[in-house]
Amino acid sequence: METTRQSKISRLIQKDLSDIFQNETRKTHGTLISVSVVRVSPDLSIAKAYLSIFPPEKSQEILESIQNNARSIRYELAQRVRFQLRKTPELMFFLDDSLDYIENIDTLLNK
């Protein structure tokens, strides 16, 4: 069960990560990255961000690039939340495949 503090921090991180990725994807036309969910550990030291990436063909390549640049993303996030959080959590990025799963179920139901 997630505490109120964890949910507030996860919403804050989700909003700021979305802004960071939106600014970065403006430079690369044709790519869209959205942060679907952020889960924060109970001790607030780790944040797991689940990303939806469009187009799905490039998703694994883009996710690897994001994981390689996690330190700089964390630094930029820390600059944004420095007055709300004492310590910025470590960021872990995962691919959110829930939309693909829903699409697969829809096609199976239509058959």
Protein backbone atom coordinates (compact mmCIF):
# COMPACT_ATOMS: atom_id res chain seq x y z
CA MET A 1 0.00 0.00 0.00
CA GLU A 2 1.35 3.37 -1.01
CA THR A 3 1.42 6.14 1.57
CA THR A 4 0.21 9.65 0.92
CA ARG A 5 3.78 10.94 0.89
CA GLN A 6 4.83 8.34 -1.69
CA SER A 7 1.92 9.20 -3.96
CA LYS A 8 2.62 12.94 -3.74
CA ILE A 9 6.28 12.45 -4.55
CA SER A 10 5.51 10.07 -7.41
CA ARG A 11 3.07 12.59 -8.94
CA LEU A 12 5.69 15.36 -8.59
CA ILE A 13 8.37 13.23 -10.24
CA GLN A 14 5.98 12.11 -13.00
CA LYS A 15 5.07 15.70 -13.84
CA ASP A 16 8.66 16.92 -13.91
CA LEU A 17 9.95 13.91 -15.87
CA SER A 18 7.18 14.49 -18.41
CA ASP A 19 8.33 18.08 -18.83
CA ILE A 20 11.96 16.98 -19.22
CA PHE A 21 11.10 14.37 -21.87
CA GLN A 22 8.77 16.77 -23.67
CA ASN A 23 11.58 19.34 -23.98
CA GLU A 24 14.00 16.67 -25.23
CA THR A 25 11.60 15.18 -27.79
CA ARG A 26 10.99 18.58 -29.35
CA LYS A 27 14.51 18.28 -30.74
CA THR A 28 13.81 14.87 -32.32
CA HIS A 29 10.72 15.13 -34.47
CA GLY A 30 8.51 12.06 -34.76
CA THR A 31 9.24 10.68 -31.29
CA LEU A 32 6.90 10.88 -28.32
CA ILE A 33 7.77 9.80 -24.79
CA SER A 34 5.17 9.89 -22.03
CA VAL A 35 5.59 8.91 -18.40
CA SER A 36 2.65 6.68 -17.56
CA VAL A 37 3.42 5.75 -13.94
CA VAL A 38 6.08 6.50 -11.35
CA ARG A 39 6.40 4.21 -8.33
CA VAL A 40 8.49 5.37 -5.37
CA SER A 41 9.99 2.94 -2.85
CA PRO A 42 8.85 3.27 0.80
CA ASP A 43 12.19 4.80 1.84
CA LEU A 44 11.96 7.29 -1.09
CA SER A 45 15.37 6.28 -2.43
CA ILE A 46 14.30 4.65 -5.71
CA ALA A 47 11.78 5.83 -8.28
CA LYS A 48 10.70 3.46 -11.05
CA ALA A 49 9.36 5.33 -14.06
CA TYR A 50 7.32 3.48 -16.69
CA LEU A 51 7.55 5.08 -20.12
CA SER A 52 5.30 4.82 -23.16
CA ILE A 53 7.30 5.45 -26.31
CA PHE A 54 5.94 6.17 -29.78
CA PRO A 55 6.77 4.84 -32.36
CA PRO A 56 6.95 1.38 -30.76
CA GLU A 57 9.55 0.18 -33.28
CA LYS A 58 12.16 2.49 -31.74
CA SER A 59 11.09 1.95 -28.14
CA GLN A 60 13.89 -0.41 -27.08
CA GLU A 61 16.57 1.79 -28.64
CA ILE A 62 15.18 4.94 -27.02
CA LEU A 63 14.80 3.21 -23.64
CA GLU A 64 18.47 2.14 -23.71
CA SER A 65 19.47 5.71 -24.52
CA ILE A 66 17.39 7.01 -21.60
CA GLN A 67 18.89 4.42 -19.25
CA ASN A 68 22.40 5.43 -20.32
CA ASN A 69 21.58 9.09 -19.62
CA ALA A 70 19.82 8.42 -16.30
CA ARG A 71 22.39 10.40 -14.31
CA SER A 72 21.91 13.58 -16.33
CA ILE A 73 18.12 13.15 -16.22
CA ARG A 74 18.32 12.74 -12.44
CA TYR A 75 20.44 15.91 -12.21
CA GLU A 76 17.92 17.91 -14.21
CA LEU A 77 15.09 16.49 -12.11
CA ALA A 78 16.99 17.45 -8.95
CA GLN A 79 17.26 21.03 -10.22
CA ARG A 80 13.49 21.15 -10.65
CA VAL A 81 12.49 19.57 -7.32
CA ARG A 82 15.27 20.95 -5.12
CA PHE A 83 12.84 22.98 -2.99
CA GLN A 84 10.34 20.12 -2.55
CA LEU A 85 12.67 17.18 -1.88
CA ARG A 86 15.84 16.91 0.16
CA LYS A 87 17.25 14.02 -1.82
CA THR A 88 16.31 13.09 -5.36
CA PRO A 89 15.66 9.34 -5.69
CA GLU A 90 17.64 7.08 -8.02
CA LEU A 91 15.77 6.74 -11.31
CA MET A 92 15.03 3.42 -12.98
CA PHE A 93 13.29 3.42 -16.34
CA PHE A 94 11.09 0.65 -17.70
CA LEU A 95 9.03 0.23 -20.83
CA ASP A 96 5.27 0.42 -20.23
CA ASP A 97 3.67 -2.13 -22.53
CA SER A 98 0.14 -1.85 -21.18
CA LEU A 99 -1.12 -0.11 -24.35
CA ASP A 100 0.30 -2.91 -26.50
CA TYR A 101 -1.37 -5.43 -24.21
CA ILE A 102 -4.74 -3.66 -24.50
CA GLU A 103 -4.39 -3.50 -28.28
CA ASN A 104 -3.60 -7.21 -28.42
CA ILE A 105 -6.69 -8.04 -26.34
CA ASP A 106 -8.86 -5.87 -28.59
CA THR A 107 -7.65 -7.65 -31.73
CA LEU A 108 -8.25 -11.04 -30.12
CA LEU A 109 -11.76 -10.04 -29.09
CA ASN A 110 -12.58 -8.74 -32.57
CA LYS A 111 -11.65 -12.07 -34.16
